[in-house]
Protein backbone atom coordinates (compact mmCIF):
# COMPACT_ATOMS: atom_id res chain seq x y z
CA MET A 1 -0.04 -0.10 0.09
CA THR A 2 2.98 2.34 -0.43
CA ASP A 3 1.22 4.36 -2.91
CA ASP A 4 -2.07 4.13 -2.55
CA LEU A 5 -3.63 7.59 -2.83
CA THR A 6 -6.23 7.42 -0.36
CA ARG A 7 -4.29 5.37 2.52
CA LEU A 8 -1.75 8.49 2.11
CA VAL A 9 -4.56 11.07 1.73
CA TYR A 10 -5.74 9.63 4.80
CA LEU A 11 -2.81 9.67 6.95
CA LEU A 12 -2.27 13.05 5.92
CA ALA A 13 -5.73 14.33 7.23
CA HIS A 14 -5.10 12.07 10.32
CA ASP A 15 -4.82 15.00 13.56
CA GLU A 16 -3.64 12.15 16.83
CA THR A 17 -5.57 15.03 19.50
CA ALA A 18 -9.01 14.89 17.90
CA GLU A 19 -8.54 11.01 17.50
CA GLY A 20 -9.45 11.09 13.59
CA PRO A 21 -8.98 12.94 10.45
CA TYR A 22 -8.86 17.12 11.25
CA ASP A 23 -12.12 17.03 9.83
CA ARG A 24 -14.61 14.04 9.48
CA SER A 25 -16.97 15.29 6.72
CA ARG A 26 -14.12 17.44 4.58
CA THR A 27 -11.75 14.22 4.39
CA GLU A 28 -14.48 12.53 3.25
CA LEU A 29 -14.81 13.99 0.23
CA LEU A 30 -10.98 14.03 0.39
CA VAL A 31 -10.52 10.37 -0.03
CA ARG A 32 -13.46 9.78 -2.41
CA ALA A 33 -11.19 12.70 -4.42
CA ALA A 34 -8.05 10.63 -3.45
CA ALA A 35 -9.71 7.39 -4.89
CA LEU A 36 -10.52 8.95 -8.13
CA VAL A 37 -7.67 9.99 -8.79
CA ASP A 38 -5.70 6.85 -8.08
CA LEU A 39 -8.19 4.60 -10.02
CA ALA A 40 -7.35 7.55 -12.84
CA LEU A 41 -3.71 6.99 -12.79
CA ARG A 42 -4.15 2.99 -12.75
CA GLY A 43 -6.08 3.68 -15.83
CA ARG A 44 -9.78 2.63 -14.93
CA LEU A 45 -11.27 5.50 -14.95
CA ARG A 46 -11.05 8.02 -17.58
CA GLU A 47 -13.20 10.64 -18.87
CA ASP A 48 -15.91 10.62 -22.31
CA GLY A 49 -16.12 13.24 -25.01
CA ASP A 50 -19.23 14.64 -23.26
CA GLY A 51 -17.25 14.76 -19.34
CA SER A 52 -19.01 11.67 -17.88
CA VAL A 53 -16.96 9.24 -16.77
CA ALA A 54 -15.83 5.68 -18.24
CA VAL A 55 -14.95 2.55 -16.41
CA SER A 56 -12.11 0.57 -18.62
CA GLY A 57 -11.75 -2.86 -17.82
CA THR A 58 -13.48 -5.50 -15.42
CA THR A 59 -11.04 -6.95 -13.87
CA PRO A 60 -10.94 -5.97 -9.75
CA THR A 61 -8.31 -3.79 -8.33
CA GLY A 62 -7.53 -5.41 -5.20
CA ASP A 63 -8.75 -3.40 -2.51
CA PRO A 64 -11.72 -3.20 -2.19
CA VAL A 65 -12.51 0.64 -1.39
CA LEU A 66 -11.58 1.48 -5.00
CA ASP A 67 -13.71 -1.47 -6.06
CA GLY A 68 -16.75 0.19 -4.80
CA VAL A 69 -16.13 3.46 -6.83
CA LEU A 70 -16.03 1.88 -9.66
CA ARG A 71 -18.79 -0.39 -9.34
CA ASP A 72 -21.07 2.92 -9.97
CA ALA A 73 -18.48 5.65 -11.03
CA ALA A 74 -19.87 5.02 -14.98
CA GLY A 75 -22.21 7.85 -16.40
CA HIS A 76 -21.74 10.65 -13.51
CA ASP A 77 -19.47 13.26 -13.67
CA TRP A 78 -16.31 13.24 -11.39
CA LYS A 79 -18.19 16.08 -9.65
CA HIS A 80 -20.68 14.10 -8.70
CA LEU A 81 -18.48 10.62 -7.85
CA VAL A 82 -16.34 13.12 -5.39
CA ARG A 83 -19.38 13.76 -3.60
CA ARG A 84 -20.99 9.89 -4.27
CA HIS A 85 -21.02 7.02 -0.99
CA ARG A 86 -18.83 9.17 0.75
CA LYS A 87 -19.45 8.66 3.96
CA ARG A 88 -19.54 4.81 3.15
CA THR A 89 -15.89 5.23 1.75
CA LEU A 90 -14.16 7.09 4.46
CA THR A 91 -15.72 4.20 7.13
CA GLY A 92 -14.75 1.36 4.31
CA LEU A 93 -10.95 2.75 4.14
CA GLU A 94 -10.37 3.00 8.05
CA ASP A 95 -11.81 -0.60 8.67
CA ARG A 96 -9.26 -1.59 5.67
CA LEU A 97 -6.68 0.31 7.20
CA ALA A 98 -7.89 -1.04 11.17
CA ALA A 99 -7.37 -4.78 9.39
CA ALA A 100 -4.24 -3.88 8.16
CA GLY A 101 -2.92 -2.98 11.49
CA LEU A 102 -2.40 0.62 10.83
CA LEU A 103 -5.33 2.13 12.77
CA THR A 104 -7.20 1.57 15.89
CA VAL A 105 -10.67 1.98 15.91
CA HIS A 106 -12.19 2.89 19.34
CA ALA A 107 -16.23 3.14 19.52
CA PRO A 108 -17.71 6.31 19.90
CA ARG A 109 -17.71 8.55 23.22
CA THR A 110 -21.36 9.31 22.99
CA PHE A 111 -24.45 7.77 20.67
CA LEU A 112 -24.58 10.44 18.07
CA GLY A 113 -20.82 11.29 17.96
CA SER A 114 -17.98 9.57 15.87
CA ARG A 115 -16.15 6.83 15.85
CA ARG A 116 -12.74 7.50 17.59
CA VAL A 117 -9.58 6.58 15.18
CA THR A 118 -5.68 6.44 16.20
CA VAL A 119 -2.79 5.25 14.37
CA THR A 120 -1.08 2.38 15.44
CA ASP A 121 2.61 4.02 14.73
CA PRO A 122 2.77 8.18 14.95
CA ALA A 123 5.55 7.64 12.48
CA VAL A 124 3.81 6.51 9.27
CA PRO A 125 1.78 10.05 8.93
CA ALA A 126 4.98 11.62 9.89
CA ALA A 127 6.32 9.99 7.08
CA VAL A 128 3.94 11.02 4.99
CA ARG A 129 3.42 14.72 5.85
CA ALA A 130 7.41 14.80 5.52
CA ARG A 131 7.06 13.31 1.99
CA VAL A 132 4.28 15.79 0.65
CA SER A 133 6.60 18.53 2.46
CA ALA A 134 9.62 17.56 0.31
CA VAL A 135 7.81 17.94 -3.21
CA LEU A 136 6.45 21.71 -2.04
CA HIS A 137 9.41 22.76 -0.79
CA GLY A 138 11.35 21.21 -3.52
CA ASP A 139 13.08 22.78 -6.20
CA GLY A 140 12.92 19.90 -9.08
CA PRO A 141 11.02 20.62 -12.37
CA VAL A 142 7.18 19.51 -11.73
CA PRO A 143 6.68 17.13 -14.63
CA ASP A 144 9.42 15.41 -13.41
CA LEU A 145 7.82 14.64 -10.21
CA PRO A 146 5.93 10.87 -9.61
CA ALA A 147 2.44 11.49 -10.14
CA VAL A 148 1.42 10.18 -6.82
CA ASP A 149 3.45 13.10 -5.29
CA ALA A 150 2.12 16.11 -7.59
CA ALA A 151 -1.30 14.37 -6.83
CA LEU A 152 -0.54 14.54 -2.95
CA LEU A 153 0.23 17.83 -2.89
CA ALA A 154 -2.41 19.02 -5.24
CA LEU A 155 -4.93 16.73 -2.94
CA ALA A 156 -3.33 18.14 0.35
CA THR A 157 -4.06 21.51 -0.94
CA ALA A 158 -7.48 21.53 -2.36
CA GLY A 159 -8.87 19.69 1.04
CA GLY A 160 -7.62 22.51 3.16
CA VAL A 161 -5.05 20.13 5.33
CA ARG A 162 -3.13 23.19 6.93
CA SER A 163 -1.13 20.86 8.59
CA VAL A 164 0.74 19.51 5.94
CA VAL A 165 0.15 22.96 3.35
CA SER A 166 0.17 26.05 5.48
CA ARG A 167 -1.81 29.81 4.47
CA ARG A 168 1.40 30.93 4.11
CA ASP A 169 3.36 28.05 1.73
CA ARG A 170 -0.61 28.62 -0.37
CA LYS A 171 1.08 32.01 -1.55
CA THR A 172 4.96 31.12 -1.28
CA HIS A 173 3.96 28.13 -3.40
CA ARG A 174 1.38 28.53 -5.28
CA ALA A 175 2.90 28.06 -9.00
CA ARG A 176 4.30 25.24 -8.01
CA ILE A 177 0.71 23.71 -6.73
CA ASP A 178 -1.01 24.76 -9.36
CA ALA A 179 1.60 22.62 -11.43
CA CYS A 180 1.27 19.92 -9.65
CA THR A 181 -2.77 20.04 -10.00
CA GLY A 182 -2.42 20.54 -13.21
CA ARG A 183 -0.86 17.55 -14.34
CA LEU A 184 -4.32 16.12 -13.03
CA ALA A 185 -5.47 17.85 -16.56
CA ALA A 186 -3.66 14.51 -18.63
CA LEU A 187 -5.17 12.10 -17.41
CA ALA A 188 -9.06 14.17 -17.50
CA PRO A 189 -9.82 17.63 -17.34
CA GLY A 190 -12.91 17.13 -15.14
CA LEU A 191 -10.88 15.27 -12.80
CA GLU A 192 -8.10 18.38 -12.29
CA LYS A 193 -11.46 20.70 -12.15
CA ALA A 194 -13.41 18.91 -9.41
CA VAL A 195 -9.94 18.45 -7.69
CA ARG A 196 -9.90 22.44 -7.86
CA GLY A 197 -13.40 22.85 -6.92
CA LEU A 198 -13.08 20.63 -3.91
CA PRO A 199 -13.07 23.63 -1.39
CA THR A 200 -16.24 25.08 -2.92
CA THR A 201 -17.28 21.44 -2.66
CA MET A 202 -16.43 21.16 1.08
CA VAL A 203 -18.55 23.83 2.16
CA ALA A 204 -22.04 23.18 -0.43
CA ALA A 205 -21.44 19.71 1.49
CA ARG A 206 -21.45 21.16 4.75
CA GLY A 207 -24.29 22.71 4.58
CA GLY A 208 -26.31 19.65 3.53
CA MET A 209 -25.85 19.72 -0.25
CA GLY A 210 -25.42 16.47 -1.76
CA GLY A 211 -25.51 12.76 -0.85
CA GLY A 212 -23.48 11.40 1.19
CA GLY A 213 -24.41 7.50 0.94
């Protein structure tokens, strides 16, 4: 799972003090976006001429989270797929990471509370943050970066993970972040647009717009 984007993005968003993601509703959308980028990088999702998403191939990926996204992706647009079944996707990812021994899941403190999650080894998310920081502060040409690293920086920025990309970082390194996000257009123009629009999507979702599932 070294370059599993959903796993890497989740670890970036994890807040040990909060015993879970820095903001669960925002992380649901961020993880969904990461899954879409991951599947596009694998060649399993592409964009039709009308902007809708098409699925390539029928072989399972072996990742139940990604396979769940693939099952009903065809015919929708990227923005809709970021919102679709996002709660289910995040919970499924946490269960998968717990089964792999990376997380420990605890019951909510209250009946209506969110599940509590701790990372088994704090060095793991620290290493992911260091990886993204190296991309952000590096001076190597963006086209030469591994696709996963460029996508990680784009997603962390769009998802508002300020422990990784601060407000100052966004201003200072705007051109580098923009170039990393722009690489998504080679996968699908609509996917790049959906990632750039994540901040707006997150605000809309907090207001109750869009299906969670």
